Amino acid sequence: MPLIVRKRGDKYRILESETGRIAKGRAGKALDRGGSRSPTSLRKQAAAINIAQARKRGHEIPQPK
């Protein structure tokens, strides 16, 4: 499920795109560790997670040089 970054209250959070819920890892903790006041770092983190999930599903995404 792709992840997106949206503002929730006064912080930006990483959310599941389909449900709008805060994205959590295997341990049940939020992937963004409580959010951030700036969306830049969270967008990079969400993009990296989306790429990793796509590769896991078998999509051909080249490694960065």
PDB file of N, CA and C in Angstrom:
ATOM      1  N   MET A   1       0.847  -1.164   0.000  1.00  0.00           N
ATOM      2  CA  MET A   1       0.000   0.000   0.000  1.00  0.00           C
ATOM      3  C   MET A   1       0.903   1.240   0.000  1.00  0.00           C
ATOM      4  N   PRO A   2       0.778   2.116  -0.985  1.00  0.00           N
ATOM      5  CA  PRO A   2       1.633   3.300  -1.057  1.00  0.00           C
ATOM      6  C   PRO A   2       1.440   4.226   0.147  1.00  0.00           C
ATOM      7  N   LEU A   3       2.508   4.917   0.483  1.00  0.00           N
ATOM      8  CA  LEU A   3       2.479   5.854   1.600  1.00  0.00           C
ATOM      9  C   LEU A   3       2.499   7.282   1.071  1.00  0.00           C
ATOM     10  N   ILE A   4       1.846   8.180   1.799  1.00  0.00           N
ATOM     11  CA  ILE A   4       1.797   9.590   1.442  1.00  0.00           C
ATOM     12  C   ILE A   4       2.119  10.416   2.682  1.00  0.00           C
ATOM     13  N   VAL A   5       2.442  11.689   2.471  1.00  0.00           N
ATOM     14  CA  VAL A   5       2.719  12.609   3.576  1.00  0.00           C
ATOM     15  C   VAL A   5       1.624  13.664   3.592  1.00  0.00           C
ATOM     16  N   ARG A   6       0.996  13.838   4.734  1.00  0.00           N
ATOM     17  CA  ARG A   6      -0.061  14.837   4.905  1.00  0.00           C
ATOM     18  C   ARG A   6       0.114  15.516   6.261  1.00  0.00           C
ATOM     19  N   LYS A   7      -0.424  16.726   6.356  1.00  0.00           N
ATOM     20  CA  LYS A   7      -0.368  17.456   7.617  1.00  0.00           C
ATOM     21  C   LYS A   7      -1.509  17.009   8.512  1.00  0.00           C
ATOM     22  N   ARG A   8      -1.176  16.630   9.725  1.00  0.00           N
ATOM     23  CA  ARG A   8      -2.159  16.246  10.744  1.00  0.00           C
ATOM     24  C   ARG A   8      -1.900  17.140  11.955  1.00  0.00           C
ATOM     25  N   GLY A   9      -2.818  18.046  12.221  1.00  0.00           N
ATOM     26  CA  GLY A   9      -2.609  18.984  13.321  1.00  0.00           C
ATOM     27  C   GLY A   9      -1.484  19.939  12.958  1.00  0.00           C
ATOM     28  N   ASP A  10      -0.467  20.024  13.811  1.00  0.00           N
ATOM     29  CA  ASP A  10       0.658  20.917  13.542  1.00  0.00           C
ATOM     30  C   ASP A  10       1.875  20.185  12.987  1.00  0.00           C
ATOM     31  N   LYS A  11       1.757  18.875  12.704  1.00  0.00           N
ATOM     32  CA  LYS A  11       2.883  18.088  12.199  1.00  0.00           C
ATOM     33  C   LYS A  11       2.512  17.363  10.913  1.00  0.00           C
ATOM     34  N   TYR A  12       3.531  17.051  10.137  1.00  0.00           N
ATOM     35  CA  TYR A  12       3.355  16.211   8.955  1.00  0.00           C
ATOM     36  C   TYR A  12       3.557  14.764   9.374  1.00  0.00           C
ATOM     37  N   ARG A  13       2.735  13.866   8.815  1.00  0.00           N
ATOM     38  CA  ARG A  13       2.796  12.446   9.162  1.00  0.00           C
ATOM     39  C   ARG A  13       2.834  11.603   7.899  1.00  0.00           C
ATOM     40  N   ILE A  14       3.388  10.392   7.997  1.00  0.00           N
ATOM     41  CA  ILE A  14       3.351   9.427   6.905  1.00  0.00           C
ATOM     42  C   ILE A  14       2.091   8.594   7.086  1.00  0.00           C
ATOM     43  N   LEU A  15       1.227   8.602   6.044  1.00  0.00           N
ATOM     44  CA  LEU A  15      -0.060   7.919   6.119  1.00  0.00           C
ATOM     45  C   LEU A  15      -0.179   6.858   5.030  1.00  0.00           C
ATOM     46  N   GLU A  16      -1.023   5.862   5.286  1.00  0.00           N
ATOM     47  CA  GLU A  16      -1.376   4.889   4.255  1.00  0.00           C
ATOM     48  C   GLU A  16      -2.331   5.592   3.291  1.00  0.00           C
ATOM     49  N   SER A  17      -2.067   5.510   2.009  1.00  0.00           N
ATOM     50  CA  SER A  17      -2.861   6.272   1.036  1.00  0.00           C
ATOM     51  C   SER A  17      -4.307   5.796   0.945  1.00  0.00           C
ATOM     52  N   GLU A  18      -4.546   4.515   1.135  1.00  0.00           N
ATOM     53  CA  GLU A  18      -5.905   3.986   0.969  1.00  0.00           C
ATOM     54  C   GLU A  18      -6.804   4.248   2.177  1.00  0.00           C
ATOM     55  N   THR A  19      -6.232   4.193   3.383  1.00  0.00           N
ATOM     56  CA  THR A  19      -7.050   4.334   4.581  1.00  0.00           C
ATOM     57  C   THR A  19      -6.905   5.683   5.267  1.00  0.00           C
ATOM     58  N   GLY A  20      -5.786   6.368   5.045  1.00  0.00           N
ATOM     59  CA  GLY A  20      -5.538   7.632   5.719  1.00  0.00           C
ATOM     60  C   GLY A  20      -5.031   7.468   7.142  1.00  0.00           C
ATOM     61  N   ARG A  21      -4.757   6.232   7.545  1.00  0.00           N
ATOM     62  CA  ARG A  21      -4.244   5.980   8.893  1.00  0.00           C
ATOM     63  C   ARG A  21      -2.732   6.168   8.927  1.00  0.00           C
ATOM     64  N   ILE A  22      -2.207   6.463  10.101  1.00  0.00           N
ATOM     65  CA  ILE A  22      -0.770   6.607  10.269  1.00  0.00           C
ATOM     66  C   ILE A  22      -0.108   5.264   9.976  1.00  0.00           C
ATOM     67  N   ALA A  23       0.924   5.296   9.124  1.00  0.00           N
ATOM     68  CA  ALA A  23       1.613   4.069   8.721  1.00  0.00           C
ATOM     69  C   ALA A  23       2.443   3.533   9.881  1.00  0.00           C
ATOM     70  N   LYS A  24       2.347   2.228  10.106  1.00  0.00           N
ATOM     71  CA  LYS A  24       3.068   1.585  11.197  1.00  0.00           C
ATOM     72  C   LYS A  24       3.906   0.436  10.666  1.00  0.00           C
ATOM     73  N   GLY A  25       4.993   0.148  11.365  1.00  0.00           N
ATOM     74  CA  GLY A  25       5.880  -0.942  10.989  1.00  0.00           C
ATOM     75  C   GLY A  25       5.451  -2.249  11.622  1.00  0.00           C
ATOM     76  N   ARG A  26       6.318  -3.258  11.500  1.00  0.00           N
ATOM     77  CA  ARG A  26       6.009  -4.585  12.034  1.00  0.00           C
ATOM     78  C   ARG A  26       5.783  -4.574  13.540  1.00  0.00           C
ATOM     79  N   ALA A  27       6.511  -3.738  14.245  1.00  0.00           N
ATOM     80  CA  ALA A  27       6.398  -3.676  15.702  1.00  0.00           C
ATOM     81  C   ALA A  27       5.179  -2.882  16.158  1.00  0.00           C
ATOM     82  N   GLY A  28       4.457  -2.282  15.213  1.00  0.00           N
ATOM     83  CA  GLY A  28       3.261  -1.525  15.557  1.00  0.00           C
ATOM     84  C   GLY A  28       3.516  -0.073  15.899  1.00  0.00           C
ATOM     85  N   LYS A  29       4.747   0.390  15.668  1.00  0.00           N
ATOM     86  CA  LYS A  29       5.078   1.789  15.957  1.00  0.00           C
ATOM     87  C   LYS A  29       5.030   2.605  14.669  1.00  0.00           C
ATOM     88  N   ALA A  30       4.739   3.893  14.806  1.00  0.00           N
ATOM     89  CA  ALA A  30       4.635   4.781  13.647  1.00  0.00           C
ATOM     90  C   ALA A  30       5.970   4.854  12.906  1.00  0.00           C
ATOM     91  N   LEU A  31       5.917   4.764  11.580  1.00  0.00           N
ATOM     92  CA  LEU A  31       7.131   4.815  10.773  1.00  0.00           C
ATOM     93  C   LEU A  31       7.816   6.173  10.849  1.00  0.00           C
ATOM     94  N   ASP A  32       7.053   7.229  11.090  1.00  0.00           N
ATOM     95  CA  ASP A  32       7.624   8.574  11.110  1.00  0.00           C
ATOM     96  C   ASP A  32       8.063   9.021  12.507  1.00  0.00           C
ATOM     97  N   ARG A  33       7.954   8.140  13.478  1.00  0.00           N
ATOM     98  CA  ARG A  33       8.395   8.404  14.859  1.00  0.00           C
ATOM     99  C   ARG A  33       7.778   9.667  15.444  1.00  0.00           C
ATOM    100  N   GLY A  34       6.517   9.877  15.184  1.00  0.00           N
ATOM    101  CA  GLY A  34       5.827  11.009  15.792  1.00  0.00           C
ATOM    102  C   GLY A  34       5.641  12.208  14.894  1.00  0.00           C
ATOM    103  N   GLY A  35       6.129  12.138  13.664  1.00  0.00           N
ATOM    104  CA  GLY A  35       5.916  13.229  12.725  1.00  0.00           C
ATOM    105  C   GLY A  35       7.024  14.256  12.730  1.00  0.00           C
ATOM    106  N   SER A  36       6.843  15.289  11.900  1.00  0.00           N
ATOM    107  CA  SER A  36       7.849  16.322  11.731  1.00  0.00           C
ATOM    108  C   SER A  36       7.163  17.634  11.381  1.00  0.00           C
ATOM    109  N   ARG A  37       7.798  18.731  11.703  1.00  0.00           N
ATOM    110  CA  ARG A  37       7.248  20.039  11.339  1.00  0.00           C
ATOM    111  C   ARG A  37       7.530  20.371   9.874  1.00  0.00           C
ATOM    112  N   SER A  38       8.497  19.671   9.266  1.00  0.00           N
ATOM    113  CA  SER A  38       8.839  19.881   7.862  1.00  0.00           C
ATOM    114  C   SER A  38       8.530  18.617   7.064  1.00  0.00           C
ATOM    115  N   PRO A  39       7.874  18.745   5.907  1.00  0.00           N
ATOM    116  CA  PRO A  39       7.515  17.549   5.139  1.00  0.00           C
ATOM    117  C   PRO A  39       8.661  16.959   4.320  1.00  0.00           C
ATOM    118  N   THR A  40       9.758  17.690   4.147  1.00  0.00           N
ATOM    119  CA  THR A  40      10.821  17.263   3.242  1.00  0.00           C
ATOM    120  C   THR A  40      11.409  15.909   3.609  1.00  0.00           C
ATOM    121  N   SER A  41      11.837  15.743   4.839  1.00  0.00           N
ATOM    122  CA  SER A  41      12.461  14.478   5.233  1.00  0.00           C
ATOM    123  C   SER A  41      11.453  13.332   5.207  1.00  0.00           C
ATOM    124  N   LEU A  42      10.209  13.612   5.545  1.00  0.00           N
ATOM    125  CA  LEU A  42       9.192  12.562   5.529  1.00  0.00           C
ATOM    126  C   LEU A  42       8.858  12.131   4.106  1.00  0.00           C
ATOM    127  N   ARG A  43       8.890  13.064   3.159  1.00  0.00           N
ATOM    128  CA  ARG A  43       8.637  12.691   1.758  1.00  0.00           C
ATOM    129  C   ARG A  43       9.729  11.759   1.251  1.00  0.00           C
ATOM    130  N   LYS A  44      10.981  12.040   1.623  1.00  0.00           N
ATOM    131  CA  LYS A  44      12.090  11.169   1.227  1.00  0.00           C
ATOM    132  C   LYS A  44      11.932   9.789   1.852  1.00  0.00           C
ATOM    133  N   GLN A  45      11.561   9.756   3.119  1.00  0.00           N
ATOM    134  CA  GLN A  45      11.377   8.484   3.815  1.00  0.00           C
ATOM    135  C   GLN A  45      10.226   7.691   3.193  1.00  0.00           C
ATOM    136  N   ALA A  46       9.113   8.346   2.906  1.00  0.00           N
ATOM    137  CA  ALA A  46       7.969   7.662   2.302  1.00  0.00           C
ATOM    138  C   ALA A  46       8.322   7.139   0.913  1.00  0.00           C
ATOM    139  N   ALA A  47       9.080   7.916   0.136  1.00  0.00           N
ATOM    140  CA  ALA A  47       9.491   7.470  -1.199  1.00  0.00           C
ATOM    141  C   ALA A  47      10.380   6.237  -1.104  1.00  0.00           C
ATOM    142  N   ALA A  48      11.309   6.228  -0.161  1.00  0.00           N
ATOM    143  CA  ALA A  48      12.197   5.074   0.010  1.00  0.00           C
ATOM    144  C   ALA A  48      11.409   3.825   0.398  1.00  0.00           C
ATOM    145  N   ILE A  49      10.440   3.976   1.267  1.00  0.00           N
ATOM    146  CA  ILE A  49       9.611   2.835   1.681  1.00  0.00           C
ATOM    147  C   ILE A  49       8.771   2.344   0.506  1.00  0.00           C
ATOM    148  N   ASN A  50       8.199   3.271  -0.270  1.00  0.00           N
ATOM    149  CA  ASN A  50       7.398   2.885  -1.436  1.00  0.00           C
ATOM    150  C   ASN A  50       8.239   2.114  -2.456  1.00  0.00           C
ATOM    151  N   ILE A  51       9.480   2.560  -2.678  1.00  0.00           N
ATOM    152  CA  ILE A  51      10.372   1.871  -3.611  1.00  0.00           C
ATOM    153  C   ILE A  51      10.702   0.478  -3.094  1.00  0.00           C
ATOM    154  N   ALA A  52      11.011   0.363  -1.810  1.00  0.00           N
ATOM    155  CA  ALA A  52      11.338  -0.941  -1.224  1.00  0.00           C
ATOM    156  C   ALA A  52      10.157  -1.901  -1.332  1.00  0.00           C
ATOM    157  N   GLN A  53       8.956  -1.409  -1.087  1.00  0.00           N
ATOM    158  CA  GLN A  53       7.769  -2.261  -1.191  1.00  0.00           C
ATOM    159  C   GLN A  53       7.531  -2.698  -2.632  1.00  0.00           C
ATOM    160  N   ALA A  54       7.763  -1.803  -3.589  1.00  0.00           N
ATOM    161  CA  ALA A  54       7.578  -2.152  -4.999  1.00  0.00           C
ATOM    162  C   ALA A  54       8.589  -3.213  -5.427  1.00  0.00           C
ATOM    163  N   ARG A  55       9.838  -3.070  -5.000  1.00  0.00           N
ATOM    164  CA  ARG A  55      10.855  -4.077  -5.324  1.00  0.00           C
ATOM    165  C   ARG A  55      10.491  -5.425  -4.720  1.00  0.00           C
ATOM    166  N   LYS A  56       9.964  -5.401  -3.509  1.00  0.00           N
ATOM    167  CA  LYS A  56       9.577  -6.640  -2.841  1.00  0.00           C
ATOM    168  C   LYS A  56       8.471  -7.359  -3.616  1.00  0.00           C
ATOM    169  N   ARG A  57       7.604  -6.596  -4.269  1.00  0.00           N
ATOM    170  CA  ARG A  57       6.514  -7.176  -5.066  1.00  0.00           C
ATOM    171  C   ARG A  57       6.972  -7.624  -6.449  1.00  0.00           C
ATOM    172  N   GLY A  58       8.242  -7.353  -6.793  1.00  0.00           N
ATOM    173  CA  GLY A  58       8.780  -7.826  -8.058  1.00  0.00           C
ATOM    174  C   GLY A  58       8.900  -6.793  -9.159  1.00  0.00           C
ATOM    175  N   HIS A  59       8.632  -5.535  -8.867  1.00  0.00           N
ATOM    176  CA  HIS A  59       8.773  -4.494  -9.882  1.00  0.00           C
ATOM    177  C   HIS A  59      10.252  -4.221 -10.126  1.00  0.00           C
ATOM    178  N   GLU A  60      10.585  -3.954 -11.373  1.00  0.00           N
ATOM    179  CA  GLU A  60      11.966  -3.669 -11.748  1.00  0.00           C
ATOM    180  C   GLU A  60      12.243  -2.180 -11.568  1.00  0.00           C
ATOM    181  N   ILE A  61      12.859  -1.826 -10.466  1.00  0.00           N
ATOM    182  CA  ILE A  61      13.237  -0.442 -10.198  1.00  0.00           C
ATOM    183  C   ILE A  61      14.755  -0.427 -10.062  1.00  0.00           C
ATOM    184  N   PRO A  62      15.462   0.335 -10.922  1.00  0.00           N
ATOM    185  CA  PRO A  62      16.924   0.317 -10.875  1.00  0.00           C
ATOM    186  C   PRO A  62      17.462   0.903  -9.569  1.00  0.00           C
ATOM    187  N   GLN A  63      18.590   0.373  -9.152  1.00  0.00           N
ATOM    188  CA  GLN A  63      19.264   0.886  -7.966  1.00  0.00           C
ATOM    189  C   GLN A  63      19.879   2.246  -8.301  1.00  0.00           C
ATOM    190  N   PRO A  64      19.977   3.162  -7.338  1.00  0.00           N
ATOM    191  CA  PRO A  64      20.613   4.456  -7.609  1.00  0.00           C
ATOM    192  C   PRO A  64      22.108   4.271  -7.864  1.00  0.00           C
ATOM    193  N   LYS A  65      22.664   5.163  -8.660  1.00  0.00           N
ATOM    194  CA  LYS A  65      24.096   5.065  -8.997  1.00  0.00           C
ATOM    195  C   LYS A  65      24.946   5.805  -8.013  1.00  0.00           C
TER     196      LYS A  65
END
